[in-house]
Amino acid sequence: KETTPAAAGLTNAVLRSYLRNPDKISFPSFDQNVALHIATFHSHPLWLVNLWLNICGKEETLALCRANNELPPLTIRVNTLKISRNNLLEKLKAEKFGCIKTRFSPDGINLSDSPTPIQKTIFFREGLLRLQDEAAQLVSCLVGPQNGENILDACSGTGGKTTHLAAMMKNCGLIMALDRDHEKIKQLRKEAARMSVSIIEPLQTDLKHRLPVDFLQRFDHVLVDAPCSGTGTLRRNP
């Protein structure tokens, strides 16, 4: 609307026409061109559909594309250093939040009906939870840290996985959290304080520079959640 008002009007007209006559829209044949049909019908780039077809096959590619067109749930991670998932569920329900346990993460809750933004609640202020997608929570579960271990979080960002690792370790051990962005390190410190995590040592550094071998040998696990294509978050960031 700001740069090309005419294009906005045309787009609006096309979409209204579709809503009036959805059955008159034709799509490429699935049998003749699987990739083009999926890309067109489910509004995904053709190159990405071809990539997924080669890796995943038809059924999983269709499932991915369908899922990407659904509204994602608002998911939080319970800070188990302060409260159990069951106890937080009870508190949220008492405040009229619609909430259920996540299917895979043992620490997650999906929110539906929210009488107030979760970030403005006392639960958030007291560090009982953090906004975090279920898939992101599962990364820390895959690491499987134990109490007293030394962990290197090589691309920590603002600390979503870092604070989760700390909670899984019962706040016992050491997590060295690296990121090259000063603001992210600053936010990580705030998050650690809000969630009462004391075992994180943030360090601003750029991993383009090789780390000493003796430094790496200090750690039981190294988590590298490196910057990537972002295709895993298409549903939330189309």
Protein backbone atom coordinates (compact mmCIF):
# COMPACT_ATOMS: atom_id res chain seq x y z
CA LYS A 1 0.00 0.00 0.00
CA GLU A 2 2.83 2.43 0.79
CA THR A 3 5.00 1.87 -2.29
CA THR A 4 2.58 0.66 -5.01
CA PRO A 5 -1.07 1.40 -4.16
CA ALA A 6 -2.24 0.12 -7.55
CA ALA A 7 -0.66 -3.28 -6.90
CA ALA A 8 -2.35 -3.43 -3.51
CA GLY A 9 -5.71 -2.80 -5.14
CA LEU A 10 -5.09 -5.46 -7.77
CA THR A 11 -4.06 -7.98 -5.13
CA ASN A 12 -7.20 -7.22 -3.13
CA ALA A 13 -9.37 -7.68 -6.23
CA VAL A 14 -7.76 -11.02 -7.08
CA LEU A 15 -8.23 -12.34 -3.56
CA ARG A 16 -11.87 -11.20 -3.44
CA SER A 17 -12.49 -12.88 -6.78
CA TYR A 18 -11.08 -16.12 -5.41
CA LEU A 19 -13.29 -15.93 -2.31
CA ARG A 20 -16.37 -15.45 -4.49
CA ASN A 21 -15.50 -18.34 -6.82
CA PRO A 22 -13.09 -20.73 -5.08
CA ASP A 23 -14.19 -23.70 -7.16
CA LYS A 24 -13.33 -21.97 -10.43
CA ILE A 25 -9.62 -21.70 -9.64
CA SER A 26 -7.56 -24.33 -11.44
CA PHE A 27 -4.27 -25.70 -10.17
CA PRO A 28 -1.52 -27.67 -11.91
CA SER A 29 -2.25 -31.40 -11.98
CA PHE A 30 -0.80 -33.36 -9.08
CA ASP A 31 -0.29 -36.41 -11.30
CA GLN A 32 1.49 -34.48 -14.05
CA ASN A 33 3.68 -32.20 -11.93
CA VAL A 34 3.76 -32.96 -8.21
CA ALA A 35 6.16 -30.16 -7.27
CA LEU A 36 4.32 -27.44 -9.19
CA HIS A 37 0.96 -28.56 -7.80
CA ILE A 38 2.19 -28.51 -4.18
CA ALA A 39 4.01 -25.20 -4.63
CA THR A 40 0.96 -23.52 -6.19
CA PHE A 41 -1.78 -25.03 -4.05
CA HIS A 42 0.07 -24.55 -0.75
CA SER A 43 1.82 -21.24 -1.62
CA HIS A 44 5.43 -22.37 -1.24
CA PRO A 45 8.46 -21.56 -3.42
CA LEU A 46 8.94 -24.19 -6.10
CA TRP A 47 12.67 -24.57 -5.31
CA LEU A 48 11.84 -25.36 -1.68
CA VAL A 49 9.17 -27.89 -2.60
CA ASN A 50 11.61 -29.62 -4.96
CA LEU A 51 14.21 -29.72 -2.20
CA TRP A 52 11.78 -31.25 0.29
CA LEU A 53 10.52 -33.77 -2.25
CA ASN A 54 14.07 -34.98 -2.83
CA ILE A 55 14.74 -35.26 0.90
CA CYS A 56 11.37 -36.21 2.38
CA GLY A 57 9.14 -37.61 -0.37
CA LYS A 58 5.57 -36.65 -1.29
CA GLU A 59 3.68 -37.34 1.92
CA GLU A 60 6.05 -35.56 4.28
CA THR A 61 6.41 -32.60 1.91
CA LEU A 62 2.63 -32.25 1.77
CA ALA A 63 2.46 -32.44 5.57
CA LEU A 64 5.14 -29.74 5.92
CA CYS A 65 3.38 -27.39 3.50
CA ARG A 66 0.01 -27.89 5.17
CA ALA A 67 1.49 -27.28 8.61
CA ASN A 68 3.17 -24.08 7.41
CA ASN A 69 -0.23 -22.68 6.43
CA GLU A 70 -1.73 -23.26 9.88
CA LEU A 71 -1.68 -20.69 12.66
CA PRO A 72 1.12 -21.66 15.05
CA PRO A 73 0.32 -21.97 18.75
CA LEU A 74 1.73 -19.58 21.30
CA THR A 75 4.11 -21.81 23.23
CA ILE A 76 5.88 -21.16 26.51
CA ARG A 77 8.57 -23.09 28.34
CA VAL A 78 8.17 -23.59 32.06
CA ASN A 79 11.15 -22.52 34.16
CA THR A 80 11.45 -25.72 36.19
CA LEU A 81 13.94 -24.04 38.51
CA LYS A 82 10.97 -22.18 39.98
CA ILE A 83 7.83 -24.20 39.27
CA SER A 84 6.66 -27.49 37.80
CA ARG A 85 4.68 -27.66 34.57
CA ASN A 86 1.61 -29.02 36.35
CA ASN A 87 1.65 -26.24 38.93
CA LEU A 88 2.00 -23.54 36.28
CA LEU A 89 -0.84 -25.11 34.28
CA GLU A 90 -3.07 -24.84 37.36
CA LYS A 91 -2.14 -21.20 37.88
CA LEU A 92 -2.76 -20.31 34.23
CA LYS A 93 -6.14 -22.05 34.19
CA ALA A 94 -7.11 -20.20 37.36
CA GLU A 95 -6.46 -16.96 35.46
CA LYS A 96 -8.67 -18.16 32.56
CA PHE A 97 -5.86 -19.03 30.15
CA GLY A 98 -6.59 -21.81 27.68
CA CYS A 99 -3.58 -24.10 27.99
CA ILE A 100 -2.47 -27.66 27.36
CA LYS A 101 0.80 -29.54 27.66
CA THR A 102 2.98 -29.70 24.56
CA ARG A 103 3.07 -33.07 22.83
CA PHE A 104 6.82 -33.63 22.76
CA SER A 105 8.61 -31.21 25.07
CA PRO A 106 8.34 -32.13 28.76
CA ASP A 107 8.59 -28.46 29.74
CA GLY A 108 6.23 -26.79 27.25
CA ILE A 109 2.69 -25.41 27.38
CA ASN A 110 0.58 -24.30 24.41
CA LEU A 111 -1.63 -21.28 25.06
CA SER A 112 -4.89 -20.63 23.23
CA ASP A 113 -7.29 -18.22 24.92
CA SER A 114 -5.30 -15.51 26.68
CA PRO A 115 -7.15 -12.86 28.74
CA THR A 116 -3.95 -10.79 28.77
CA PRO A 117 -0.60 -10.96 26.95
CA ILE A 118 1.49 -13.56 28.76
CA GLN A 119 4.48 -11.15 28.90
CA LYS A 120 2.42 -8.80 31.07
CA THR A 121 1.52 -11.40 33.68
CA ILE A 122 3.05 -11.91 37.09
CA PHE A 123 4.10 -15.38 35.91
CA PHE A 124 6.37 -13.80 33.31
CA ARG A 125 7.67 -11.08 35.64
CA GLU A 126 8.60 -13.66 38.26
CA GLY A 127 10.53 -15.72 35.71
CA LEU A 128 8.26 -18.75 35.79
CA LEU A 129 8.23 -19.06 32.01
CA ARG A 130 9.72 -17.98 28.70
CA LEU A 131 8.20 -17.77 25.23
CA GLN A 132 9.82 -20.56 23.20
CA ASP A 133 8.57 -22.78 20.37
CA GLU A 134 8.33 -26.47 21.15
CA ALA A 135 10.86 -27.40 18.46
CA ALA A 136 13.41 -25.05 20.02
CA GLN A 137 12.81 -26.65 23.41
CA LEU A 138 13.58 -30.08 22.00
CA VAL A 139 17.12 -29.00 21.06
CA SER A 140 18.09 -28.77 24.72
CA CYS A 141 16.45 -32.15 25.33
CA LEU A 142 18.68 -33.63 22.62
CA VAL A 143 21.76 -32.25 24.37
CA GLY A 144 20.62 -33.96 27.57
CA PRO A 145 22.85 -32.07 30.03
CA GLN A 146 23.46 -33.39 33.54
CA ASN A 147 23.98 -31.61 36.84
CA GLY A 148 27.53 -30.33 37.25
CA GLU A 149 28.56 -30.59 33.59
CA ASN A 150 30.32 -27.90 31.56
CA ILE A 151 28.40 -26.82 28.43
CA LEU A 152 29.42 -24.53 25.58
CA ASP A 153 26.49 -22.78 23.89
CA ALA A 154 28.39 -21.48 20.89
CA CYS A 155 25.61 -19.33 19.35
CA SER A 156 23.50 -18.44 22.36
CA GLY A 157 21.53 -15.46 21.05
CA THR A 158 19.26 -14.10 23.77
CA GLY A 159 19.45 -17.32 25.76
CA GLY A 160 16.34 -19.37 25.05
CA LYS A 161 18.19 -22.67 24.86
CA THR A 162 20.88 -21.50 27.28
CA THR A 163 18.44 -20.93 30.12
CA HIS A 164 16.68 -24.20 29.27
CA LEU A 165 19.97 -26.09 29.58
CA ALA A 166 20.57 -24.39 32.92
CA ALA A 167 17.14 -25.48 34.20
CA MET A 168 17.78 -29.06 33.08
CA MET A 169 21.08 -28.94 34.99
CA LYS A 170 19.26 -27.73 38.13
CA ASN A 171 21.41 -24.59 37.99
CA CYS A 172 24.46 -26.69 38.84
CA GLY A 173 27.55 -26.67 36.60
CA LEU A 174 28.74 -24.16 34.01
CA ILE A 175 27.37 -22.88 30.70
CA MET A 176 29.66 -20.69 28.62
CA ALA A 177 27.36 -18.71 26.30
CA LEU A 178 28.94 -17.13 23.23
CA ASP A 179 27.52 -14.63 20.76
CA ARG A 180 29.07 -11.89 18.67
CA ASP A 181 26.14 -9.49 19.14
CA HIS A 182 26.55 -7.19 22.14
CA GLU A 183 22.80 -6.54 22.46
CA LYS A 184 22.00 -10.24 22.49
CA ILE A 185 24.56 -10.84 25.22
CA LYS A 186 23.05 -7.97 27.17
CA GLN A 187 19.57 -9.46 26.79
CA LEU A 188 20.89 -12.87 27.80
CA ARG A 189 22.17 -11.44 31.09
CA LYS A 190 18.72 -9.95 31.77
CA GLU A 191 16.96 -13.22 30.96
CA ALA A 192 19.28 -15.20 33.21
CA ALA A 193 18.57 -12.81 36.06
CA ARG A 194 14.81 -12.88 35.46
CA MET A 195 14.78 -16.68 35.50
CA SER A 196 17.17 -16.95 38.49
CA VAL A 197 19.89 -18.72 36.51
CA SER A 198 23.38 -18.25 37.93
CA ILE A 199 25.56 -20.76 36.04
CA ILE A 200 25.71 -18.91 32.70
CA GLU A 201 28.89 -17.02 31.78
CA PRO A 202 28.13 -14.85 28.72
CA LEU A 203 31.00 -13.91 26.43
CA GLN A 204 30.86 -11.69 23.38
CA THR A 205 33.03 -13.24 20.68
CA ASP A 206 32.95 -14.11 16.99
CA LEU A 207 33.29 -17.81 16.17
CA LYS A 208 34.86 -16.95 12.83
CA HIS A 209 38.00 -16.84 14.92
CA ARG A 210 39.22 -20.31 15.89
CA LEU A 211 38.90 -21.24 19.54
CA PRO A 212 41.89 -22.84 21.31
CA VAL A 213 41.70 -26.64 21.53
CA ASP A 214 42.37 -26.62 25.26
CA PHE A 215 39.40 -24.26 25.67
CA LEU A 216 37.05 -26.67 23.87
CA GLN A 217 38.31 -29.65 25.84
CA ARG A 218 36.82 -28.12 29.00
CA PHE A 219 33.27 -28.97 27.90
CA ASP A 220 31.11 -32.09 28.12
CA HIS A 221 28.79 -30.86 25.36
CA VAL A 222 28.95 -28.18 22.67
CA LEU A 223 25.70 -26.78 21.25
CA VAL A 224 25.95 -24.96 17.91
CA ASP A 225 22.61 -23.46 16.94
CA ALA A 226 24.14 -21.69 13.96
CA PRO A 227 22.44 -19.03 11.81
CA CYS A 228 20.62 -20.83 9.00
CA SER A 229 18.05 -20.51 6.22
CA GLY A 230 15.13 -20.11 8.62
CA THR A 231 12.94 -22.61 6.75
CA GLY A 232 12.11 -24.26 10.06
CA THR A 233 10.12 -21.18 11.13
CA LEU A 234 8.16 -20.55 7.91
CA ARG A 235 4.83 -21.01 9.68
CA ARG A 236 5.65 -18.12 12.02
CA ASN A 237 7.74 -16.06 9.58
CA PRO A 238 6.37 -16.72 6.06
